[in-house]
PDB file of all heavy atoms in Angstrom:
ATOM      1  N   ALA A   1     -98.450   3.152  21.800  1.00  0.00           N
ATOM      2  CA  ALA A   1     -99.535   2.249  21.412  1.00  0.00           C
ATOM      3  C   ALA A   1     -99.128   0.789  21.607  1.00  0.00           C
ATOM      4  O   ALA A   1     -98.022   0.385  21.250  1.00  0.00           O
ATOM      5  CB  ALA A   1     -99.920   2.489  19.954  1.00  0.00           C
ATOM      6  N   ILE A   2    -100.036   0.024  22.178  1.00  0.00           N
ATOM      7  CA  ILE A   2     -99.877  -1.428  22.319  1.00  0.00           C
ATOM      8  C   ILE A   2    -101.019  -2.092  21.569  1.00  0.00           C
ATOM      9  O   ILE A   2    -102.191  -1.787  21.822  1.00  0.00           O
ATOM     10  CB  ILE A   2     -99.918  -1.881  23.792  1.00  0.00           C
ATOM     11  CG1 ILE A   2     -98.884  -1.150  24.640  1.00  0.00           C
ATOM     12  CG2 ILE A   2     -99.714  -3.395  23.885  1.00  0.00           C
ATOM     13  CD1 ILE A   2     -98.950  -1.519  26.120  1.00  0.00           C
ATOM     14  N   ILE A   3    -100.699  -2.991  20.654  1.00  0.00           N
ATOM     15  CA  ILE A   3    -101.715  -3.816  19.996  1.00  0.00           C
ATOM     16  C   ILE A   3    -101.645  -5.206  20.618  1.00  0.00           C
ATOM     17  O   ILE A   3    -100.577  -5.829  20.647  1.00  0.00           O
ATOM     18  CB  ILE A   3    -101.501  -3.894  18.479  1.00  0.00           C
ATOM     19  CG1 ILE A   3    -101.661  -2.501  17.848  1.00  0.00           C
ATOM     20  CG2 ILE A   3    -102.494  -4.871  17.847  1.00  0.00           C
ATOM     21  CD1 ILE A   3    -101.480  -2.480  16.336  1.00  0.00           C
ATOM     22  N   LEU A   4    -102.783  -5.681  21.127  1.00  0.00           N
ATOM     23  CA  LEU A   4    -102.840  -6.970  21.810  1.00  0.00           C
ATOM     24  C   LEU A   4    -103.690  -7.953  21.016  1.00  0.00           C
ATOM     25  O   LEU A   4    -104.789  -7.610  20.552  1.00  0.00           O
ATOM     26  CB  LEU A   4    -103.408  -6.795  23.219  1.00  0.00           C
ATOM     27  CG  LEU A   4    -102.539  -5.961  24.178  1.00  0.00           C
ATOM     28  CD1 LEU A   4    -103.276  -5.701  25.491  1.00  0.00           C
ATOM     29  CD2 LEU A   4    -101.209  -6.656  24.438  1.00  0.00           C
ATOM     30  N   VAL A   5    -103.184  -9.173  20.874  1.00  0.00           N
ATOM     31  CA  VAL A   5    -103.792 -10.183  20.001  1.00  0.00           C
ATOM     32  C   VAL A   5    -104.173 -11.419  20.834  1.00  0.00           C
ATOM     33  O   VAL A   5    -103.306 -12.034  21.467  1.00  0.00           O
ATOM     34  CB  VAL A   5    -102.814 -10.583  18.874  1.00  0.00           C
ATOM     35  CG1 VAL A   5    -103.511 -11.459  17.853  1.00  0.00           C
ATOM     36  CG2 VAL A   5    -102.222  -9.341  18.195  1.00  0.00           C
ATOM     37  N   HIS A   6    -105.435 -11.767  20.813  1.00  0.00           N
ATOM     38  CA  HIS A   6    -105.950 -12.872  21.626  1.00  0.00           C
ATOM     39  C   HIS A   6    -105.596 -14.239  21.047  1.00  0.00           C
ATOM     40  O   HIS A   6    -105.083 -14.353  19.933  1.00  0.00           O
ATOM     41  CB  HIS A   6    -107.471 -12.755  21.767  1.00  0.00           C
ATOM     42  CG  HIS A   6    -108.190 -12.880  20.457  1.00  0.00           C
ATOM     43  ND1 HIS A   6    -108.374 -14.086  19.804  1.00  0.00           N
ATOM     44  CD2 HIS A   6    -108.778 -11.943  19.654  1.00  0.00           C
ATOM     45  CE1 HIS A   6    -109.035 -13.899  18.684  1.00  0.00           C
ATOM     46  NE2 HIS A   6    -109.288 -12.600  18.553  1.00  0.00           N
ATOM     47  N   GLY A   7    -105.922 -15.284  21.804  1.00  0.00           N
ATOM     48  CA  GLY A   7    -105.626 -16.648  21.390  1.00  0.00           C
ATOM     49  C   GLY A   7    -106.789 -17.316  20.674  1.00  0.00           C
ATOM     50  O   GLY A   7    -107.837 -16.716  20.421  1.00  0.00           O
ATOM     51  N   SER A   8    -106.607 -18.589  20.363  1.00  0.00           N
ATOM     52  CA  SER A   8    -107.591 -19.354  19.608  1.00  0.00           C
ATOM     53  C   SER A   8    -108.910 -19.464  20.369  1.00  0.00           C
ATOM     54  O   SER A   8    -108.937 -19.804  21.551  1.00  0.00           O
ATOM     55  CB  SER A   8    -107.044 -20.757  19.324  1.00  0.00           C
ATOM     56  OG  SER A   8    -107.940 -21.497  18.551  1.00  0.00           O
ATOM     57  N   ASN A   9    -110.006 -19.161  19.658  1.00  0.00           N
ATOM     58  CA  ASN A   9    -111.371 -19.229  20.189  1.00  0.00           C
ATOM     59  C   ASN A   9    -111.648 -18.235  21.305  1.00  0.00           C
ATOM     60  O   ASN A   9    -112.653 -18.354  22.010  1.00  0.00           O
ATOM     61  CB  ASN A   9    -111.719 -20.649  20.655  1.00  0.00           C
ATOM     62  CG  ASN A   9    -111.749 -21.632  19.503  1.00  0.00           C
ATOM     63  OD1 ASN A   9    -112.066 -21.271  18.376  1.00  0.00           O
ATOM     64  ND2 ASN A   9    -111.391 -22.878  19.770  1.00  0.00           N
ATOM     65  N   ALA A  10    -110.773 -17.257  21.464  1.00  0.00           N
ATOM     66  CA  ALA A  10    -111.009 -16.177  22.417  1.00  0.00           C
ATOM     67  C   ALA A  10    -111.473 -14.944  21.639  1.00  0.00           C
ATOM     68  O   ALA A  10    -111.872 -15.028  20.478  1.00  0.00           O
ATOM     69  CB  ALA A  10    -109.744 -15.895  23.226  1.00  0.00           C
ATOM     70  N   SER A  11    -111.409 -13.794  22.281  1.00  0.00           N
ATOM     71  CA  SER A  11    -111.837 -12.547  21.654  1.00  0.00           C
ATOM     72  C   SER A  11    -111.092 -11.402  22.319  1.00  0.00           C
ATOM     73  O   SER A  11    -110.340 -11.597  23.292  1.00  0.00           O
ATOM     74  CB  SER A  11    -113.347 -12.354  21.818  1.00  0.00           C
ATOM     75  OG  SER A  11    -113.676 -12.178  23.191  1.00  0.00           O
ATOM     76  N   LEU A  12    -111.308 -10.194  21.829  1.00  0.00           N
ATOM     77  CA  LEU A  12    -110.611  -9.044  22.401  1.00  0.00           C
ATOM     78  C   LEU A  12    -110.984  -8.804  23.859  1.00  0.00           C
ATOM     79  O   LEU A  12    -110.266  -8.113  24.597  1.00  0.00           O
ATOM     80  CB  LEU A  12    -110.859  -7.792  21.551  1.00  0.00           C
ATOM     81  CG  LEU A  12    -112.287  -7.303  21.263  1.00  0.00           C
ATOM     82  CD1 LEU A  12    -112.991  -6.711  22.463  1.00  0.00           C
ATOM     83  CD2 LEU A  12    -112.259  -6.270  20.134  1.00  0.00           C
ATOM     84  N   HIS A  13    -112.095  -9.390  24.308  1.00  0.00           N
ATOM     85  CA  HIS A  13    -112.524  -9.196  25.697  1.00  0.00           C
ATOM     86  C   HIS A  13    -111.513  -9.727  26.700  1.00  0.00           C
ATOM     87  O   HIS A  13    -111.477  -9.267  27.843  1.00  0.00           O
ATOM     88  CB  HIS A  13    -113.875  -9.879  25.921  1.00  0.00           C
ATOM     89  CG  HIS A  13    -114.973  -9.348  25.051  1.00  0.00           C
ATOM     90  ND1 HIS A  13    -115.167  -9.800  23.758  1.00  0.00           N
ATOM     91  CD2 HIS A  13    -115.917  -8.409  25.263  1.00  0.00           C
ATOM     92  CE1 HIS A  13    -116.198  -9.162  23.229  1.00  0.00           C
ATOM     93  NE2 HIS A  13    -116.669  -8.308  24.103  1.00  0.00           N
ATOM     94  N   THR A  14    -110.690 -10.666  26.273  1.00  0.00           N
ATOM     95  CA  THR A  14    -109.719 -11.250  27.195  1.00  0.00           C
ATOM     96  C   THR A  14    -108.712 -10.226  27.703  1.00  0.00           C
ATOM     97  O   THR A  14    -108.080 -10.424  28.738  1.00  0.00           O
ATOM     98  CB  THR A  14    -108.989 -12.434  26.513  1.00  0.00           C
ATOM     99  OG1 THR A  14    -108.328 -13.232  27.494  1.00  0.00           O
ATOM    100  CG2 THR A  14    -107.952 -11.956  25.493  1.00  0.00           C
ATOM    101  N   TRP A  15    -108.574  -9.095  26.967  1.00  0.00           N
ATOM    102  CA  TRP A  15    -107.591  -8.069  27.329  1.00  0.00           C
ATOM    103  C   TRP A  15    -108.162  -6.957  28.204  1.00  0.00           C
ATOM    104  O   TRP A  15    -107.399  -6.082  28.650  1.00  0.00           O
ATOM    105  CB  TRP A  15    -106.989  -7.457  26.063  1.00  0.00           C
ATOM    106  CG  TRP A  15    -106.281  -8.439  25.198  1.00  0.00           C
ATOM    107  CD1 TRP A  15    -106.645  -8.865  23.960  1.00  0.00           C
ATOM    108  CD2 TRP A  15    -105.059  -9.136  25.506  1.00  0.00           C
ATOM    109  NE1 TRP A  15    -105.741  -9.778  23.468  1.00  0.00           N
ATOM    110  CE2 TRP A  15    -104.756  -9.967  24.399  1.00  0.00           C
ATOM    111  CE3 TRP A  15    -104.189  -9.129  26.604  1.00  0.00           C
ATOM    112  CZ2 TRP A  15    -103.635 -10.782  24.365  1.00  0.00           C
ATOM    113  CZ3 TRP A  15    -103.076  -9.957  26.571  1.00  0.00           C
ATOM    114  CH2 TRP A  15    -102.805 -10.763  25.458  1.00  0.00           C
ATOM    115  N   GLU A  16    -109.453  -6.959  28.453  1.00  0.00           N
ATOM    116  CA  GLU A  16    -110.052  -5.848  29.204  1.00  0.00           C
ATOM    117  C   GLU A  16    -109.431  -5.639  30.589  1.00  0.00           C
ATOM    118  O   GLU A  16    -109.262  -4.497  31.020  1.00  0.00           O
ATOM    119  CB  GLU A  16    -111.561  -6.040  29.307  1.00  0.00           C
ATOM    120  CG  GLU A  16    -112.300  -5.768  28.001  1.00  0.00           C
ATOM    121  CD  GLU A  16    -112.075  -4.355  27.481  1.00  0.00           C
ATOM    122  OE1 GLU A  16    -112.363  -3.389  28.215  1.00  0.00           O
ATOM    123  OE2 GLU A  16    -111.590  -4.217  26.337  1.00  0.00           O
ATOM    124  N   PRO A  17    -109.050  -6.706  31.310  1.00  0.00           N
ATOM    125  CA  PRO A  17    -108.380  -6.460  32.603  1.00  0.00           C
ATOM    126  C   PRO A  17    -107.084  -5.670  32.459  1.00  0.00           C
ATOM    127  O   PRO A  17    -106.750  -4.859  33.338  1.00  0.00           O
ATOM    128  CB  PRO A  17    -108.116  -7.878  33.136  1.00  0.00           C
ATOM    129  CG  PRO A  17    -109.178  -8.720  32.501  1.00  0.00           C
ATOM    130  CD  PRO A  17    -109.334  -8.154  31.114  1.00  0.00           C
ATOM    131  N   LEU A  18    -106.330  -5.880  31.368  1.00  0.00           N
ATOM    132  CA  LEU A  18    -105.093  -5.117  31.172  1.00  0.00           C
ATOM    133  C   LEU A  18    -105.387  -3.698  30.710  1.00  0.00           C
ATOM    134  O   LEU A  18    -104.647  -2.764  31.050  1.00  0.00           O
ATOM    135  CB  LEU A  18    -104.179  -5.817  30.160  1.00  0.00           C
ATOM    136  CG  LEU A  18    -103.573  -7.147  30.574  1.00  0.00           C
ATOM    137  CD1 LEU A  18    -102.465  -7.547  29.604  1.00  0.00           C
ATOM    138  CD2 LEU A  18    -103.034  -7.113  31.994  1.00  0.00           C
ATOM    139  N   VAL A  19    -106.455  -3.524  29.932  1.00  0.00           N
ATOM    140  CA  VAL A  19    -106.837  -2.171  29.513  1.00  0.00           C
ATOM    141  C   VAL A  19    -107.095  -1.310  30.751  1.00  0.00           C
ATOM    142  O   VAL A  19    -106.656  -0.157  30.824  1.00  0.00           O
ATOM    143  CB  VAL A  19    -108.091  -2.208  28.609  1.00  0.00           C
ATOM    144  CG1 VAL A  19    -108.584  -0.788  28.314  1.00  0.00           C
ATOM    145  CG2 VAL A  19    -107.788  -2.943  27.304  1.00  0.00           C
ATOM    146  N   LYS A  20    -107.784  -1.874  31.732  1.00  0.00           N
ATOM    147  CA  LYS A  20    -108.093  -1.124  32.955  1.00  0.00           C
ATOM    148  C   LYS A  20    -106.836  -0.773  33.739  1.00  0.00           C
ATOM    149  O   LYS A  20    -106.765   0.283  34.382  1.00  0.00           O
ATOM    150  CB  LYS A  20    -109.035  -1.945  33.841  1.00  0.00           C
ATOM    151  CG  LYS A  20    -110.419  -2.157  33.243  1.00  0.00           C
ATOM    152  CD  LYS A  20    -111.267  -3.038  34.140  1.00  0.00           C
ATOM    153  CE  LYS A  20    -112.643  -3.281  33.523  1.00  0.00           C
ATOM    154  NZ  LYS A  20    -113.475  -4.193  34.355  1.00  0.00           N
ATOM    155  N   ARG A  21    -105.828  -1.625  33.676  1.00  0.00           N
ATOM    156  CA  ARG A  21    -104.638  -1.429  34.496  1.00  0.00           C
ATOM    157  C   ARG A  21    -103.527  -0.662  33.784  1.00  0.00           C
ATOM    158  O   ARG A  21    -102.674  -0.067  34.442  1.00  0.00           O
ATOM    159  CB  ARG A  21    -104.130  -2.794  34.972  1.00  0.00           C
ATOM    160  CG  ARG A  21    -105.052  -3.420  36.017  1.00  0.00           C
ATOM    161  CD  ARG A  21    -104.842  -4.918  36.149  1.00  0.00           C
ATOM    162  NE  ARG A  21    -105.657  -5.479  37.234  1.00  0.00           N
ATOM    163  CZ  ARG A  21    -106.946  -5.774  37.121  1.00  0.00           C
ATOM    164  NH1 ARG A  21    -107.577  -5.577  35.977  1.00  0.00           N
ATOM    165  NH2 ARG A  21    -107.606  -6.262  38.155  1.00  0.00           N
ATOM    166  N   LEU A  22    -103.491  -0.706  32.471  1.00  0.00           N
ATOM    167  CA  LEU A  22    -102.418  -0.049  31.716  1.00  0.00           C
ATOM    168  C   LEU A  22    -102.897   1.136  30.883  1.00  0.00           C
ATOM    169  O   LEU A  22    -102.084   1.872  30.329  1.00  0.00           O
ATOM    170  CB  LEU A  22    -101.743  -1.069  30.787  1.00  0.00           C
ATOM    171  CG  LEU A  22    -101.033  -2.244  31.457  1.00  0.00           C
ATOM    172  CD1 LEU A  22    -100.563  -3.251  30.406  1.00  0.00           C
ATOM    173  CD2 LEU A  22     -99.848  -1.767  32.291  1.00  0.00           C
ATOM    174  N   GLY A  23    -104.211   1.318  30.813  1.00  0.00           N
ATOM    175  CA  GLY A  23    -104.764   2.328  29.929  1.00  0.00           C
ATOM    176  C   GLY A  23    -104.435   3.759  30.295  1.00  0.00           C
ATOM    177  O   GLY A  23    -104.483   4.643  29.436  1.00  0.00           O
ATOM    178  N   ALA A  24    -104.105   4.013  31.536  1.00  0.00           N
ATOM    179  CA  ALA A  24    -103.768   5.388  31.921  1.00  0.00           C
ATOM    180  C   ALA A  24    -102.440   5.823  31.297  1.00  0.00           C
ATOM    181  O   ALA A  24    -102.212   7.028  31.085  1.00  0.00           O
ATOM    182  CB  ALA A  24    -103.696   5.506  33.443  1.00  0.00           C
ATOM    183  N   THR A  25    -101.577   4.865  31.000  1.00  0.00           N
ATOM    184  CA  THR A  25    -100.252   5.181  30.460  1.00  0.00           C
ATOM    185  C   THR A  25    -100.161   4.893  28.964  1.00  0.00           C
ATOM    186  O   THR A  25     -99.500   5.637  28.233  1.00  0.00           O
ATOM    187  CB  THR A  25     -99.177   4.354  31.196  1.00  0.00           C
ATOM    188  OG1 THR A  25     -99.260   4.637  32.603  1.00  0.00           O
ATOM    189  CG2 THR A  25     -97.784   4.691  30.687  1.00  0.00           C
ATOM    190  N   TYR A  26    -100.814   3.826  28.511  1.00  0.00           N
ATOM    191  CA  TYR A  26    -100.647   3.359  27.134  1.00  0.00           C
ATOM    192  C   TYR A  26    -101.959   3.440  26.353  1.00  0.00           C
ATOM    193  O   TYR A  26    -103.050   3.317  26.911  1.00  0.00           O
ATOM    194  CB  TYR A  26    -100.145   1.911  27.129  1.00  0.00           C
ATOM    195  CG  TYR A  26     -98.797   1.752  27.778  1.00  0.00           C
ATOM    196  CD1 TYR A  26     -98.695   1.379  29.123  1.00  0.00           C
ATOM    197  CD2 TYR A  26     -97.631   1.997  27.068  1.00  0.00           C
ATOM    198  CE1 TYR A  26     -97.455   1.242  29.725  1.00  0.00           C
ATOM    199  CE2 TYR A  26     -96.389   1.857  27.663  1.00  0.00           C
ATOM    200  CZ  TYR A  26     -96.302   1.494  28.991  1.00  0.00           C
ATOM    201  OH  TYR A  26     -95.070   1.371  29.597  1.00  0.00           O
ATOM    202  N   ARG A  27    -101.816   3.652  25.068  1.00  0.00           N
ATOM    203  CA  ARG A  27    -102.937   3.510  24.155  1.00  0.00           C
ATOM    204  C   ARG A  27    -103.036   2.032  23.811  1.00  0.00           C
ATOM    205  O   ARG A  27    -102.085   1.450  23.278  1.00  0.00           O
ATOM    206  CB  ARG A  27    -102.693   4.335  22.895  1.00  0.00           C
ATOM    207  CG  ARG A  27    -103.814   4.251  21.863  1.00  0.00           C
ATOM    208  CD  ARG A  27    -103.486   5.093  20.649  1.00  0.00           C
ATOM    209  NE  ARG A  27    -104.595   5.127  19.703  1.00  0.00           N
ATOM    210  CZ  ARG A  27    -104.588   5.832  18.572  1.00  0.00           C
ATOM    211  NH1 ARG A  27    -103.508   6.550  18.242  1.00  0.00           N
ATOM    212  NH2 ARG A  27    -105.648   5.815  17.770  1.00  0.00           N
ATOM    213  N   ILE A  28    -104.162   1.419  24.098  1.00  0.00           N
ATOM    214  CA  ILE A  28    -104.273  -0.033  23.937  1.00  0.00           C
ATOM    215  C   ILE A  28    -105.313  -0.363  22.878  1.00  0.00           C
ATOM    216  O   ILE A  28    -106.490  -0.031  23.004  1.00  0.00           O
ATOM    217  CB  ILE A  28    -104.603  -0.715  25.278  1.00  0.00           C
ATOM    218  CG1 ILE A  28    -103.529  -0.373  26.312  1.00  0.00           C
ATOM    219  CG2 ILE A  28    -104.709  -2.228  25.083  1.00  0.00           C
ATOM    220  CD1 ILE A  28    -103.728  -1.004  27.647  1.00  0.00           C
ATOM    221  N   VAL A  29    -104.853  -1.029  21.845  1.00  0.00           N
ATOM    222  CA  VAL A  29    -105.702  -1.420  20.723  1.00  0.00           C
ATOM    223  C   VAL A  29    -105.859  -2.939  20.766  1.00  0.00           C
ATOM    224  O   VAL A  29    -104.871  -3.680  20.836  1.00  0.00           O
ATOM    225  CB  VAL A  29    -105.082  -0.989  19.376  1.00  0.00           C
ATOM    226  CG1 VAL A  29    -105.936  -1.480  18.206  1.00  0.00           C
ATOM    227  CG2 VAL A  29    -104.908   0.530  19.335  1.00  0.00           C
ATOM    228  N   THR A  30    -107.099  -3.389  20.735  1.00  0.00           N
ATOM    229  CA  THR A  30    -107.380  -4.830  20.696  1.00  0.00           C
ATOM    230  C   THR A  30    -108.284  -5.111  19.505  1.00  0.00           C
ATOM    231  O   THR A  30    -109.009  -4.245  19.034  1.00  0.00           O
ATOM    232  CB  THR A  30    -108.055  -5.299  21.998  1.00  0.00           C
ATOM    233  OG1 THR A  30    -109.253  -4.529  22.209  1.00  0.00           O
ATOM    234  CG2 THR A  30    -107.127  -5.108  23.188  1.00  0.00           C
ATOM    235  N   LEU A  31    -108.233  -6.345  19.004  1.00  0.00           N
ATOM    236  CA  LEU A  31    -109.053  -6.702  17.848  1.00  0.00           C
ATOM    237  C   LEU A  31    -109.474  -8.153  17.932  1.00  0.00           C
ATOM    238  O   LEU A  31    -108.823  -8.970  18.590  1.00  0.00           O
ATOM    239  CB  LEU A  31    -108.283  -6.464  16.542  1.00  0.00           C
ATOM    240  CG  LEU A  31    -107.053  -7.346  16.278  1.00  0.00           C
ATOM    241  CD1 LEU A  31    -106.888  -7.590  14.774  1.00  0.00           C
ATOM    242  CD2 LEU A  31    -105.777  -6.680  16.815  1.00  0.00           C
ATOM    243  N   ASP A  32    -110.596  -8.446  17.278  1.00  0.00           N
ATOM    244  CA  ASP A  32    -111.023  -9.828  17.091  1.00  0.00           C
ATOM    245  C   ASP A  32    -110.418 -10.324  15.786  1.00  0.00           C
ATOM    246  O   ASP A  32    -110.714  -9.788  14.709  1.00  0.00           O
ATOM    247  CB  ASP A  32    -112.548  -9.922  17.016  1.00  0.00           C
ATOM    248  CG  ASP A  32    -113.228  -9.757  18.371  1.00  0.00           C
ATOM    249  OD1 ASP A  32    -112.573 -10.019  19.387  1.00  0.00           O
ATOM    250  OD2 ASP A  32    -114.413  -9.374  18.389  1.00  0.00           O
ATOM    251  N   LEU A  33    -109.580 -11.334  15.881  1.00  0.00           N
ATOM    252  CA  LEU A  33    -108.940 -11.881  14.689  1.00  0.00           C
ATOM    253  C   LEU A  33    -109.968 -12.501  13.742  1.00  0.00           C
ATOM    254  O   LEU A  33    -111.085 -12.838  14.160  1.00  0.00           O
ATOM    255  CB  LEU A  33    -107.916 -12.940  15.094  1.00  0.00           C
ATOM    256  CG  LEU A  33    -106.672 -12.442  15.834  1.00  0.00           C
ATOM    257  CD1 LEU A  33    -105.870 -13.625  16.357  1.00  0.00           C
ATOM    258  CD2 LEU A  33    -105.808 -11.559  14.935  1.00  0.00           C
ATOM    259  N   PRO A  34    -109.632 -12.663  12.478  1.00  0.00           N
ATOM    260  CA  PRO A  34    -110.539 -13.353  11.546  1.00  0.00           C
ATOM    261  C   PRO A  34    -110.967 -14.716  12.090  1.00  0.00           C
ATOM    262  O   PRO A  34    -110.153 -15.478  12.605  1.00  0.00           O
ATOM    263  CB  PRO A  34    -109.680 -13.507  10.288  1.00  0.00           C
ATOM    264  CG  PRO A  34    -108.749 -12.339  10.333  1.00  0.00           C
ATOM    265  CD  PRO A  34    -108.419 -12.170  11.787  1.00  0.00           C
ATOM    266  N   GLY A  35    -112.274 -14.988  11.999  1.00  0.00           N
ATOM    267  CA  GLY A  35    -112.798 -16.248  12.513  1.00  0.00           C
ATOM    268  C   GLY A  35    -112.995 -16.255  14.006  1.00  0.00           C
ATOM    269  O   GLY A  35    -113.159 -17.325  14.603  1.00  0.00           O
ATOM    270  N   HIS A  36    -113.026 -15.089  14.619  1.00  0.00           N
ATOM    271  CA  HIS A  36    -113.160 -14.978  16.074  1.00  0.00           C
ATOM    272  C   HIS A  36    -114.071 -13.804  16.436  1.00  0.00           C
ATOM    273  O   HIS A  36    -114.211 -12.849  15.664  1.00  0.00           O
ATOM    274  CB  HIS A  36    -111.800 -14.740  16.742  1.00  0.00           C
ATOM    275  CG  HIS A  36    -110.860 -15.888  16.656  1.00  0.00           C
ATOM    276  ND1 HIS A  36    -110.107 -16.148  15.536  1.00  0.00           N
ATOM    277  CD2 HIS A  36    -110.538 -16.864  17.548  1.00  0.00           C
ATOM    278  CE1 HIS A  36    -109.358 -17.225  15.742  1.00  0.00           C
ATOM    279  NE2 HIS A  36    -109.604 -17.676  16.955  1.00  0.00           N
ATOM    280  N   GLY A  37    -114.619 -13.895  17.657  1.00  0.00           N
ATOM    281  CA  GLY A  37    -115.357 -12.773  18.204  1.00  0.00           C
ATOM    282  C   GLY A  37    -116.406 -12.238  17.255  1.00  0.00           C
ATOM    283  O   GLY A  37    -117.119 -12.977  16.572  1.00  0.00           O
TER     284      GLY A  37
END
């Protein structure tokens, strides 16, 4: 499992390109931090 954390004023959508490329091997969890997304 990989948990990925976005930057300021971004959202979990920023990680979708990596989900497409790494998802076959890894379980990828993304989240919108408090005050975001």
